[in-house]
């Protein structure tokens, strides 16, 4: 009877286990118990992989001998990819070391560099010894014959390795979601690169164009046709979702301004990278001057709620320049402070500027915010230690360099550098009013639904320096945007502009992932090195002592029990 009862319980247990196992194949739930929700994917991130219906393979180059902070980056990357895999089983990943087992590592490194995968030099501490390792903090995503590179490491100026990795972990979800969006989702939005008014050439913005065309359709759009067929030009421009005006140098005429104005009134997004200050050389004296020109845009910007002042910013928080000294054979290159090149950063938590490096400006002017109904968000500013110079302003290296060195070494004169924080990049959002409202129009627009004096909701970003989009060159090859070849420094220009484009065109909320905050604790390397022996003794010795104590007590009580 007892055997039958036991058999019944065993049978019920086996059936219960089988039912639970069967149900687990159809019911799956992961729980994120972290305080900051770091392992919970946002809705926008999930949307990027929902359409994936065939294998999307991610190859992560995070294998090898890493310092502790990079092992944390590796671990967080693995955890995040597990979350993507849990949403869509077609997402697959593997971790590899691209240099492991390779006989010709130089050739592999060259191939990686040609793909745009730049290495990072890290210091590895082992038993008090320090060695330098080269790693590639990148991932490649493959889907249906397309490949997209995904950066895993954020290079923050002046940051410690821990801070740099912390910032990288903050950016991981956005980096992968943005990469998946590029490789798996069709291009829907279109961008017009405005031409015809002396804007930068394509080769000068090659890295920017190459990067955004991975996500959006881009095409040049000249305003020259306004002189002949203005209405047709406007109708063609309205087919684009965003216009980019990259450092125009020739004044816009009234018809061109009206086309741009009506594009904005009809809800078009715009990115204005405008230089009101230009370098010119006096042909008689050979002296270099910074002069001002408003490009005939003052009326537009004034109506929209801003004014770009024609004054030159000098900022103590700036980027250096490199000058050659000596003869050609024995020339030496030295870095000097150059206060005309402000290095702008922002404490603003707007997704455009969250977790990006400092943005390099060159010979820039301040933006003044005017009072109207448009919502204005200051994205980038000068530092509090700023001065303003009236233009025309002479730029003389022989005089400026010694003066700037004194300012950096001895500190600035508070009376001279008293202009305070000045806006350099501003986001404007709302229903704009036409700059030509109640004015004579340069041409008539026949379609009433297109011609507007009061616009529908639109967004624009205005930056007071067109050079922030300009890439450098190395042997006539475009360098990554924001990379200074002479100082070997990577600035945040590219991230800022790409975030701006994504924000102006984003209708999925993907850009808002950048505001997610993750708290990453790190070990104190110096303290752990100094106390290494103590903690080794604790972690190894204490368990052995407890085990021995347990054995003694167990033996004592056992003898006491059975001695009776």
Protein backbone atom coordinates (compact mmCIF):
# COMPACT_ATOMS: atom_id res chain seq x y z
CA UNK A 1 0.00 0.00 0.00
CA UNK A 2 2.84 2.36 0.94
CA UNK A 3 4.67 1.50 -2.32
CA UNK A 4 1.60 2.39 -4.39
CA UNK A 5 1.27 5.69 -2.56
CA UNK A 6 4.94 6.55 -3.17
CA UNK A 7 4.56 5.57 -6.83
CA UNK A 8 1.57 7.91 -7.11
CA UNK A 9 3.57 10.85 -5.67
CA UNK A 10 6.54 10.13 -7.95
CA UNK A 11 4.22 9.95 -11.00
CA UNK A 12 2.56 13.27 -10.07
CA UNK A 13 6.00 14.86 -9.57
CA UNK A 14 7.24 13.69 -12.98
CA UNK A 15 4.04 14.90 -14.69
CA UNK A 16 4.36 18.27 -12.91
CA UNK A 17 7.98 18.68 -14.02
CA UNK A 18 7.03 17.80 -17.60
CA UNK A 19 4.15 20.31 -17.58
CA UNK A 20 6.42 23.07 -16.23
CA UNK A 21 9.07 22.26 -18.85
CA UNK A 22 6.43 22.29 -21.62
CA UNK A 23 4.95 25.59 -20.43
CA UNK A 24 8.40 27.19 -20.21
CA UNK A 25 8.78 26.80 -23.97
CA UNK A 26 5.79 29.11 -24.48
CA UNK A 27 5.90 31.33 -21.43
CA UNK A 28 9.13 33.28 -20.99
CA UNK A 29 9.77 36.19 -18.68
CA UNK A 30 12.97 37.98 -17.59
CA UNK A 31 13.04 40.14 -14.48
CA UNK A 32 15.31 43.18 -14.14
CA UNK A 33 15.92 43.77 -10.44
CA UNK A 34 18.54 46.51 -10.91
CA UNK A 35 17.70 49.91 -9.47
CA UNK A 36 18.56 51.77 -12.68
CA UNK A 37 16.82 49.26 -14.99
CA UNK A 38 19.98 48.79 -17.03
CA UNK A 39 18.84 45.43 -18.41
CA UNK A 40 15.41 46.61 -19.50
CA UNK A 41 15.35 47.54 -23.16
CA UNK A 42 13.38 50.61 -24.12
CA UNK A 43 10.43 50.28 -26.47
CA UNK A 44 12.31 52.16 -29.19
CA UNK A 45 15.28 49.77 -28.96
CA UNK A 46 12.99 46.74 -29.25
CA UNK A 47 11.33 48.23 -32.33
CA UNK A 48 14.64 48.20 -34.20
CA UNK A 49 14.85 44.37 -34.16
CA UNK A 50 11.19 43.38 -34.39
CA UNK A 51 11.29 43.39 -38.24
CA UNK A 52 14.35 41.09 -38.26
CA UNK A 53 13.19 37.83 -39.90
CA UNK A 54 16.57 36.22 -40.67
CA UNK A 55 19.83 35.89 -38.71
CA UNK A 56 21.27 39.22 -37.57
CA UNK A 57 24.79 38.36 -36.45
CA UNK A 58 26.84 40.65 -34.22
CA UNK A 59 30.58 40.09 -33.99
CA UNK A 60 31.96 41.81 -30.90
CA UNK A 61 35.71 42.44 -30.73
CA UNK A 62 35.91 42.30 -26.94
CA UNK A 63 38.01 39.26 -26.17
CA UNK A 64 41.52 39.26 -24.77
CA UNK A 65 43.59 40.49 -21.84
CA UNK A 66 41.67 43.50 -20.52
CA UNK A 67 41.92 45.71 -17.44
CA UNK A 68 39.03 45.39 -15.01
CA UNK A 69 37.05 48.32 -16.39
CA UNK A 70 37.08 46.82 -19.90
CA UNK A 71 36.00 43.47 -18.54
CA UNK A 72 33.03 45.34 -17.12
CA UNK A 73 32.33 46.77 -20.58
CA UNK A 74 32.57 43.26 -22.00
CA UNK A 75 30.17 41.91 -19.37
CA UNK A 76 27.65 44.73 -19.86
CA UNK A 77 27.78 44.27 -23.64
CA UNK A 78 27.09 40.54 -23.27
CA UNK A 79 24.18 41.20 -20.91
CA UNK A 80 22.67 43.75 -23.28
CA UNK A 81 22.94 41.46 -26.29
CA UNK A 82 21.23 38.73 -24.28
CA UNK A 83 18.31 41.11 -23.82
CA UNK A 84 18.12 41.76 -27.58
CA UNK A 85 18.28 38.00 -28.20
CA UNK A 86 15.41 37.43 -25.75
CA UNK A 87 13.24 39.79 -27.82
CA UNK A 88 14.11 38.23 -31.19
CA UNK A 89 15.85 34.86 -31.48
CA UNK A 90 17.20 35.85 -34.90
CA UNK A 91 19.66 38.14 -33.11
CA UNK A 92 22.87 36.18 -32.61
CA UNK A 93 26.22 37.30 -31.27
CA UNK A 94 29.77 36.12 -30.71
CA UNK A 95 32.81 37.62 -28.98
CA UNK A 96 36.15 37.39 -30.78
CA UNK A 97 39.68 38.75 -30.64
CA UNK A 98 40.50 39.93 -34.20
CA UNK A 99 44.26 39.60 -33.60
CA UNK A 100 44.30 36.22 -31.87
CA UNK A 101 46.01 33.49 -33.86
CA UNK A 102 46.97 35.85 -36.70
CA UNK A 103 50.54 35.59 -37.98
CA UNK A 104 50.47 38.94 -39.81
CA UNK A 105 48.82 41.19 -37.24
CA UNK A 106 49.92 44.33 -39.10
CA UNK A 107 47.87 43.31 -42.14
CA UNK A 108 44.83 42.57 -39.97
CA UNK A 109 45.17 45.94 -38.27
CA UNK A 110 45.35 47.64 -41.67
CA UNK A 111 42.17 45.87 -42.78
CA UNK A 112 40.41 46.90 -39.59
CA UNK A 113 41.55 50.49 -40.07
CA UNK A 114 40.20 50.47 -43.64
CA UNK A 115 36.84 49.43 -42.17
CA UNK A 116 37.02 52.45 -39.87
CA UNK A 117 37.74 50.36 -36.76
CA UNK A 118 40.39 52.30 -34.84
CA UNK A 119 42.16 50.63 -31.90
CA UNK A 120 42.40 51.80 -28.31
CA UNK A 121 45.55 51.58 -26.20
CA UNK A 122 44.85 50.33 -22.67
CA UNK A 123 47.07 49.68 -19.68
CA UNK A 124 46.83 46.25 -18.08
CA UNK A 125 47.97 45.86 -14.45
CA UNK A 126 49.04 42.40 -13.34
CA UNK A 127 50.64 41.95 -9.96
CA UNK A 128 51.84 45.55 -9.87
CA UNK A 129 53.27 45.33 -13.39
CA UNK A 130 51.87 47.53 -16.14
CA UNK A 131 51.75 46.56 -19.81
CA UNK A 132 50.10 48.20 -22.83
CA UNK A 133 47.59 46.28 -24.92
CA UNK A 134 45.86 47.27 -28.14
CA UNK A 135 42.17 46.40 -28.32
CA UNK A 136 39.37 47.08 -30.79
CA UNK A 137 36.25 48.18 -28.89
CA UNK A 138 33.91 47.71 -31.86
CA UNK A 139 31.16 45.40 -33.06
CA UNK A 140 30.07 44.54 -36.59
CA UNK A 141 26.42 43.73 -37.34
CA UNK A 142 25.66 41.58 -40.42
CA UNK A 143 22.16 41.30 -41.89
CA UNK A 144 21.02 40.32 -45.37
CA UNK A 145 24.36 41.19 -46.96
CA UNK A 146 24.68 44.54 -45.15
CA UNK A 147 27.33 45.37 -42.56
CA UNK A 148 27.29 48.17 -40.00
CA UNK A 149 30.02 49.04 -37.51
CA UNK A 150 28.98 49.80 -33.92
CA UNK A 151 31.33 51.77 -31.62
CA UNK A 152 31.48 50.47 -28.07
CA UNK A 153 33.93 52.93 -26.50
CA UNK A 154 33.34 56.64 -25.94
CA UNK A 155 36.47 58.79 -25.90
CA UNK A 156 35.77 61.54 -23.38
CA UNK A 157 38.41 64.26 -23.16
CA UNK A 158 40.25 64.31 -19.84
CA UNK A 159 38.35 61.33 -18.47
CA UNK A 160 39.86 58.49 -16.46
CA UNK A 161 39.59 54.96 -17.91
CA UNK A 162 36.76 54.25 -15.46
CA UNK A 163 34.85 57.38 -16.51
CA UNK A 164 35.41 56.56 -20.17
CA UNK A 165 34.06 53.03 -19.78
CA UNK A 166 31.19 54.27 -17.64
CA UNK A 167 30.19 56.68 -20.41
CA UNK A 168 30.51 53.86 -22.92
CA UNK A 169 28.19 51.62 -20.91
CA UNK A 170 25.69 54.47 -20.70
CA UNK A 171 25.75 54.62 -24.51
CA UNK A 172 25.63 50.87 -25.26
CA UNK A 173 21.88 50.49 -25.75
CA UNK A 174 21.72 53.48 -28.08
CA UNK A 175 24.81 52.34 -30.02
CA UNK A 176 23.38 48.88 -30.71
CA UNK A 177 19.83 50.11 -31.35
CA UNK A 178 21.14 52.71 -33.79
CA UNK A 179 23.28 50.08 -35.52
CA UNK A 180 20.38 47.64 -35.80
CA UNK A 181 18.18 50.41 -37.14
CA UNK A 182 20.73 51.12 -39.88
CA UNK A 183 21.23 47.53 -40.94
CA UNK A 184 17.72 46.11 -40.56
CA UNK A 185 15.27 48.93 -41.31
CA UNK A 186 14.78 50.58 -44.71
CA UNK A 187 15.69 54.21 -45.22
CA UNK A 188 12.56 56.33 -44.85
CA UNK A 189 13.69 59.90 -44.25
CA UNK A 190 15.49 62.12 -46.78
CA UNK A 191 17.97 64.95 -46.32
CA UNK A 192 18.79 67.79 -48.73
CA UNK A 193 22.32 69.20 -48.60
CA UNK A 194 21.82 72.79 -49.69
CA UNK A 195 24.16 74.07 -52.42
CA UNK A 196 24.58 77.25 -54.43
CA UNK A 197 25.65 79.76 -51.80
CA UNK A 198 29.29 78.85 -51.32
CA UNK A 199 28.69 75.99 -48.91
CA UNK A 200 31.43 73.48 -48.04
CA UNK A 201 32.35 71.05 -50.79
CA UNK A 202 31.34 67.40 -50.52
CA UNK A 203 34.93 66.30 -49.84
CA UNK A 204 35.07 68.69 -46.88
CA UNK A 205 32.01 67.06 -45.29
CA UNK A 206 32.70 63.56 -46.67
CA UNK A 207 32.74 61.76 -43.31
CA UNK A 208 29.44 63.35 -42.27
CA UNK A 209 27.78 62.42 -45.57
CA UNK A 210 29.17 58.88 -45.52
CA UNK A 211 27.83 58.30 -42.01
CA UNK A 212 24.31 59.70 -42.41
CA UNK A 213 23.69 57.93 -45.71
CA UNK A 214 23.77 54.65 -43.77
CA UNK A 215 20.44 55.69 -42.23
CA UNK A 216 18.91 58.32 -44.51
CA UNK A 217 18.57 59.14 -48.18
CA UNK A 218 20.68 62.19 -49.01
CA UNK A 219 20.97 64.36 -52.10
CA UNK A 220 22.43 67.76 -53.01
CA UNK A 221 19.89 70.50 -53.59
CA UNK A 222 20.88 73.73 -55.33
CA UNK A 223 18.94 76.93 -54.83
CA UNK A 224 20.15 78.40 -58.13
CA UNK A 225 16.94 77.27 -59.84
CA UNK A 226 14.97 79.71 -57.67
CA UNK A 227 15.85 82.46 -60.14
CA UNK A 228 14.05 80.60 -62.95
CA UNK A 229 11.37 78.37 -61.42
CA UNK A 230 10.91 79.43 -57.78
CA UNK A 231 7.61 77.61 -57.21
CA UNK A 232 8.94 74.35 -58.62
CA UNK A 233 12.08 74.71 -56.50
CA UNK A 234 10.00 75.09 -53.34
CA UNK A 235 7.77 72.14 -54.27
CA UNK A 236 10.86 69.96 -54.80
CA UNK A 237 12.43 71.07 -51.52
CA UNK A 238 9.26 70.20 -49.58
CA UNK A 239 9.78 66.53 -50.49
CA UNK A 240 12.74 66.41 -48.10
CA UNK A 241 12.42 65.91 -44.35
CA UNK A 242 15.54 67.87 -43.39
CA UNK A 243 17.78 70.48 -44.97
CA UNK A 244 21.43 70.99 -43.98
CA UNK A 245 23.09 74.34 -44.71
CA UNK A 246 26.84 73.80 -44.18
CA UNK A 247 28.81 77.05 -43.92
CA UNK A 248 27.44 79.25 -46.70
CA UNK A 249 29.76 82.07 -47.76
CA UNK A 250 27.59 83.84 -50.40
CA UNK A 251 24.61 85.95 -49.37
CA UNK A 252 21.15 84.49 -49.89
CA UNK A 253 18.93 86.60 -52.14
CA UNK A 254 15.31 87.38 -51.27
CA UNK A 255 13.85 84.53 -53.35
CA UNK A 256 16.20 81.97 -51.82
CA UNK A 257 15.37 83.19 -48.32
CA UNK A 258 11.66 82.95 -49.09
CA UNK A 259 12.01 79.35 -50.29
CA UNK A 260 13.84 78.40 -47.07
CA UNK A 261 11.31 80.31 -44.98
CA UNK A 262 8.34 78.55 -46.60
CA UNK A 263 10.05 75.19 -46.22
CA UNK A 264 10.17 75.83 -42.46
CA UNK A 265 6.58 77.14 -42.40
CA UNK A 266 5.48 73.81 -43.90
CA UNK A 267 7.07 71.85 -41.06
CA UNK A 268 10.48 71.08 -42.56
CA UNK A 269 13.36 70.46 -40.17
CA UNK A 270 16.59 72.41 -40.69
CA UNK A 271 20.19 72.39 -39.51
CA UNK A 272 21.93 75.74 -39.92
CA UNK A 273 25.73 75.70 -39.65
CA UNK A 274 26.35 79.37 -40.30
CA UNK A 275 29.54 81.37 -40.09
CA UNK A 276 28.98 85.07 -39.59
CA UNK A 277 32.75 85.50 -39.18
CA UNK A 278 35.31 84.95 -41.95
CA UNK A 279 39.08 85.18 -42.27
CA UNK A 280 40.36 87.67 -44.82
CA UNK A 281 43.80 88.94 -45.65
CA UNK A 282 44.50 92.58 -46.35
CA UNK A 283 46.18 92.59 -49.80
CA UNK A 284 48.14 95.72 -48.95
CA UNK A 285 49.54 94.80 -45.54
CA UNK A 286 49.27 91.01 -45.62
CA UNK A 287 47.60 91.06 -42.20
CA UNK A 288 44.86 88.54 -41.37
CA UNK A 289 41.52 89.79 -40.08
CA UNK A 290 38.30 88.25 -38.83
CA UNK A 291 35.45 90.13 -40.50
CA UNK A 292 31.67 89.84 -40.21
CA UNK A 293 28.93 89.13 -42.74
CA UNK A 294 25.33 88.22 -41.88
CA UNK A 295 24.71 86.44 -45.22
CA UNK A 296 21.37 88.25 -45.50
CA UNK A 297 19.91 85.86 -42.91
CA UNK A 298 19.38 88.29 -40.04
CA UNK A 299 15.72 88.86 -40.88
CA UNK A 300 14.96 85.14 -40.88
CA UNK A 301 16.71 84.36 -37.60
CA UNK A 302 15.32 87.47 -35.89
CA UNK A 303 11.76 86.40 -36.70
CA UNK A 304 12.45 82.86 -35.52
CA UNK A 305 13.75 84.10 -32.16
CA UNK A 306 17.55 84.37 -32.26
CA UNK A 307 20.28 86.76 -33.35
CA UNK A 308 23.86 85.82 -34.24
CA UNK A 309 26.01 88.71 -33.08
CA UNK A 310 29.04 89.74 -35.11
CA UNK A 311 31.60 89.57 -32.33
CA UNK A 312 34.50 87.15 -31.92
CA UNK A 313 34.65 84.82 -28.91
CA UNK A 314 37.88 84.19 -27.03
CA UNK A 315 37.53 81.34 -24.55
CA UNK A 316 40.11 80.20 -22.00
CA UNK A 317 38.65 76.71 -22.28
CA UNK A 318 39.81 76.12 -25.85
CA UNK A 319 41.63 73.68 -28.11
CA UNK A 320 45.34 74.05 -28.97
CA UNK A 321 46.90 74.60 -32.36
CA UNK A 322 50.15 73.08 -33.61
CA UNK A 323 52.81 75.32 -35.13
CA UNK A 324 56.08 74.34 -36.77
CA UNK A 325 59.34 75.87 -35.60
CA UNK A 326 62.76 75.68 -37.24
CA UNK A 327 63.85 74.81 -40.77
CA UNK A 328 62.09 72.19 -42.88
CA UNK A 329 64.69 69.51 -42.09
CA UNK A 330 64.82 70.23 -38.36
CA UNK A 331 61.33 71.60 -37.82
CA UNK A 332 59.57 70.80 -34.56
CA UNK A 333 55.84 70.84 -33.99
CA UNK A 334 54.61 72.35 -30.74
CA UNK A 335 51.16 72.82 -29.29
CA UNK A 336 50.04 76.28 -28.19
CA UNK A 337 46.81 77.55 -26.63
CA UNK A 338 44.53 79.21 -29.15
CA UNK A 339 41.62 80.96 -27.47
CA UNK A 340 39.87 81.58 -30.77
CA UNK A 341 38.98 77.85 -30.91
CA UNK A 342 36.48 77.31 -28.05
CA UNK A 343 35.98 73.77 -26.78
CA UNK A 344 32.33 73.60 -25.93
CA UNK A 345 30.72 71.10 -23.59
CA UNK A 346 27.29 71.04 -22.03
CA UNK A 347 25.77 70.04 -18.71
CA UNK A 348 22.41 69.99 -20.47
CA UNK A 349 20.74 66.56 -20.32
CA UNK A 350 19.11 66.94 -23.73
CA UNK A 351 19.61 63.72 -25.76
CA UNK A 352 21.57 65.61 -28.45
CA UNK A 353 24.41 66.50 -26.08
CA UNK A 354 24.18 63.81 -23.39
CA UNK A 355 27.41 61.85 -22.97
CA UNK A 356 29.37 63.43 -25.85
CA UNK A 357 32.90 64.80 -25.90
CA UNK A 358 33.73 68.50 -26.15
CA UNK A 359 32.86 70.07 -29.52
CA UNK A 360 35.55 72.09 -31.26
CA UNK A 361 34.61 75.52 -32.65
CA UNK A 362 36.76 77.83 -34.78
CA UNK A 363 36.41 81.63 -34.86
CA UNK A 364 32.82 81.67 -33.71
CA UNK A 365 30.22 84.24 -32.67
CA UNK A 366 27.69 84.15 -29.82
CA UNK A 367 23.97 83.54 -30.34
CA UNK A 368 21.50 85.83 -28.61
CA UNK A 369 18.08 84.46 -27.61
CA UNK A 370 15.13 86.74 -28.34
CA UNK A 371 11.76 86.78 -26.68
CA UNK A 372 8.99 85.05 -28.64
CA UNK A 373 6.76 81.97 -28.40
CA UNK A 374 9.32 79.54 -29.79
CA UNK A 375 10.79 77.02 -27.33
CA UNK A 376 14.58 77.42 -27.21
CA UNK A 377 17.08 74.93 -25.80
CA UNK A 378 20.73 75.93 -25.56
CA UNK A 379 22.74 72.88 -26.60
CA UNK A 380 26.33 74.16 -26.53
CA UNK A 381 27.93 77.21 -24.95
CA UNK A 382 31.25 78.86 -24.33
CA UNK A 383 32.79 78.53 -20.89
CA UNK A 384 32.20 81.19 -18.20
CA UNK A 385 35.73 82.56 -18.84
CA UNK A 386 34.98 84.25 -22.15
CA UNK A 387 35.68 87.60 -23.77
CA UNK A 388 34.19 89.22 -26.88
CA UNK A 389 36.10 91.19 -29.52
CA UNK A 390 34.60 93.60 -32.01
CA UNK A 391 35.14 92.71 -35.68
CA UNK A 392 37.07 93.38 -37.85
CA UNK A 393 39.67 91.86 -35.51
CA UNK A 394 43.29 91.26 -36.43
CA UNK A 395 44.68 87.76 -35.85
CA UNK A 396 48.43 87.92 -35.36
CA UNK A 397 50.10 84.66 -34.28
CA UNK A 398 53.32 86.35 -33.14
CA UNK A 399 51.39 88.59 -30.77
CA UNK A 400 48.58 86.25 -29.77
CA UNK A 401 50.59 83.14 -28.84
CA UNK A 402 52.73 84.80 -26.09
CA UNK A 403 49.63 86.54 -24.73
CA UNK A 404 47.60 83.32 -24.64
CA UNK A 405 50.49 81.48 -22.96
CA UNK A 406 50.54 84.11 -20.23
CA UNK A 407 46.77 83.79 -19.79
CA UNK A 408 46.98 80.01 -19.43
CA UNK A 409 50.01 80.07 -17.11
CA UNK A 410 49.14 83.10 -14.95
CA UNK A 411 45.36 83.07 -15.21
CA UNK A 412 43.03 85.37 -17.17
CA UNK A 413 42.27 88.96 -16.29
CA UNK A 414 38.74 88.86 -14.79
CA UNK A 415 37.93 92.26 -16.27
CA UNK A 416 38.85 91.13 -19.80
CA UNK A 417 37.18 87.70 -19.62
CA UNK A 418 33.88 88.83 -18.16
CA UNK A 419 31.46 88.04 -21.03
CA UNK A 420 30.30 84.84 -19.29
CA UNK A 421 28.61 81.85 -20.86
CA UNK A 422 27.44 82.49 -24.43
CA UNK A 423 25.23 80.15 -26.52
CA UNK A 424 26.91 78.61 -29.57
CA UNK A 425 24.25 76.08 -30.65
CA UNK A 426 20.50 76.41 -30.07
CA UNK A 427 17.52 74.13 -30.72
CA UNK A 428 14.29 75.90 -31.67
CA UNK A 429 10.93 74.12 -31.63
CA UNK A 430 7.40 75.35 -32.24
CA UNK A 431 5.14 77.06 -34.75
CA UNK A 432 7.32 79.62 -36.50
CA UNK A 433 6.07 82.85 -38.02
CA UNK A 434 7.19 83.70 -41.54
CA UNK A 435 9.93 86.31 -41.78
CA UNK A 436 7.99 87.83 -44.69
CA UNK A 437 4.62 88.04 -43.00
CA UNK A 438 2.88 91.31 -43.93
CA UNK A 439 5.71 92.04 -46.38
CA UNK A 440 5.98 92.04 -50.15
CA UNK A 441 6.91 88.54 -51.30
CA UNK A 442 9.67 88.09 -53.91
CA UNK A 443 7.43 85.72 -55.87
CA UNK A 444 3.86 84.45 -55.67
CA UNK A 445 3.02 80.91 -54.60
CA UNK A 446 -0.12 79.71 -56.35
CA UNK A 447 -0.88 76.78 -54.02
CA UNK A 448 -2.69 78.20 -50.99
CA UNK A 449 -1.99 75.13 -48.89
CA UNK A 450 1.78 75.70 -49.33
CA UNK A 451 1.98 79.46 -48.85
CA UNK A 452 1.93 80.17 -45.13
CA UNK A 453 2.52 83.21 -42.93
CA UNK A 454 2.05 81.15 -39.76
CA UNK A 455 3.72 77.79 -39.91
CA UNK A 456 2.94 74.35 -38.60
CA UNK A 457 5.12 72.78 -35.90
CA UNK A 458 8.78 72.51 -36.93
CA UNK A 459 12.27 72.09 -35.46
CA UNK A 460 15.61 73.65 -36.29
CA UNK A 461 19.10 73.79 -34.83
CA UNK A 462 21.30 76.83 -35.40
CA UNK A 463 25.07 76.64 -34.82
CA UNK A 464 27.22 79.76 -35.07
CA UNK A 465 30.17 77.97 -36.69
CA UNK A 466 30.10 76.07 -39.97
CA UNK A 467 33.54 74.55 -39.44
CA UNK A 468 32.25 72.04 -36.88
CA UNK A 469 31.08 69.83 -39.78
CA UNK A 470 34.35 70.07 -41.71
CA UNK A 471 36.63 67.01 -41.69
CA UNK A 472 40.41 67.09 -42.06
CA UNK A 473 42.53 65.19 -44.57
CA UNK A 474 45.48 62.83 -44.52
CA UNK A 475 47.15 62.37 -47.91
CA UNK A 476 43.98 63.61 -49.57
CA UNK A 477 41.86 61.07 -47.70
CA UNK A 478 39.08 62.41 -45.45
CA UNK A 479 39.71 61.89 -41.76
CA UNK A 480 36.94 61.10 -39.26
CA UNK A 481 34.91 64.18 -38.45
CA UNK A 482 36.15 65.76 -35.23
CA UNK A 483 39.62 64.21 -35.42
CA UNK A 484 42.53 66.68 -35.17
CA UNK A 485 45.45 65.08 -36.98
CA UNK A 486 48.06 67.45 -35.52
CA UNK A 487 47.13 66.86 -31.88
CA UNK A 488 45.82 63.30 -32.37
CA UNK A 489 42.67 64.28 -30.50
CA UNK A 490 39.10 63.20 -31.21
CA UNK A 491 36.49 65.84 -30.44
CA UNK A 492 32.74 65.40 -30.19
CA UNK A 493 31.77 67.19 -33.42
CA UNK A 494 30.60 64.05 -35.19
CA UNK A 495 28.51 62.76 -32.29
CA UNK A 496 26.92 66.16 -31.85
CA UNK A 497 25.95 66.51 -35.52
CA UNK A 498 24.72 62.92 -35.87
CA UNK A 499 22.67 63.25 -32.69
CA UNK A 500 21.25 66.51 -34.02
CA UNK A 501 20.23 64.94 -37.34
CA UNK A 502 18.72 61.94 -35.55
CA UNK A 503 16.79 64.18 -33.18
CA UNK A 504 15.46 66.42 -35.95
CA UNK A 505 14.29 63.37 -37.92
CA UNK A 506 13.50 60.91 -35.14
CA UNK A 507 9.88 59.81 -34.88
CA UNK A 508 10.54 56.63 -32.87
CA UNK A 509 12.09 58.09 -29.73
CA UNK A 510 15.34 56.24 -30.42
CA UNK A 511 17.46 59.30 -29.62
CA UNK A 512 15.91 59.48 -26.12
CA UNK A 513 17.74 56.27 -25.17
CA UNK A 514 20.81 58.47 -24.74
CA UNK A 515 19.34 60.00 -21.58
CA UNK A 516 19.24 56.66 -19.77
CA UNK A 517 21.39 56.78 -16.64
CA UNK A 518 23.32 53.75 -15.41
CA UNK A 519 25.35 53.70 -12.20
CA UNK A 520 28.53 51.66 -12.65
CA UNK A 521 30.71 51.14 -9.53
CA UNK A 522 34.44 50.59 -10.12
CA UNK A 523 37.21 49.28 -7.90
CA UNK A 524 39.94 51.61 -6.67
CA UNK A 525 42.91 50.20 -8.62
CA UNK A 526 45.57 51.76 -6.37
CA UNK A 527 43.88 50.58 -3.21
CA UNK A 528 43.32 47.05 -4.50
CA UNK A 529 46.99 46.81 -5.55
CA UNK A 530 48.20 47.96 -2.13
CA UNK A 531 45.84 45.65 -0.21
CA UNK A 532 46.04 42.71 -2.60
CA UNK A 533 47.84 40.39 -0.15
CA UNK A 534 45.41 41.15 2.69
CA UNK A 535 42.30 40.41 0.64
CA UNK A 536 43.86 37.27 -0.86
CA UNK A 537 44.45 36.04 2.69
CA UNK A 538 40.88 36.93 3.66
CA UNK A 539 39.23 35.30 0.64
CA UNK A 540 41.35 32.14 0.87
CA UNK A 541 42.10 31.92 4.60
CA UNK A 542 38.72 32.76 6.11
CA UNK A 543 36.82 29.93 4.31
CA UNK A 544 39.55 27.45 5.36
CA UNK A 545 39.34 28.63 8.98
CA UNK A 546 35.54 28.36 8.96
CA UNK A 547 35.74 24.90 7.41
CA UNK A 548 38.25 23.78 10.06
CA UNK A 549 36.11 25.28 12.82
CA UNK A 550 33.04 23.49 11.47
CA UNK A 551 35.00 20.21 11.37
CA UNK A 552 36.17 20.60 14.96
CA UNK A 553 32.69 21.45 16.24
CA UNK A 554 31.13 18.61 14.26
CA UNK A 555 33.68 16.14 15.67
CA UNK A 556 33.24 17.47 19.21
CA UNK A 557 29.44 17.23 19.23
CA UNK A 558 29.52 13.83 17.49
CA UNK A 559 31.86 12.40 20.14
CA UNK A 560 29.82 13.97 22.91
CA UNK A 561 26.62 12.46 21.53
CA UNK A 562 27.88 8.94 21.02
CA UNK A 563 30.13 8.88 24.12
CA UNK A 564 27.03 8.24 26.17
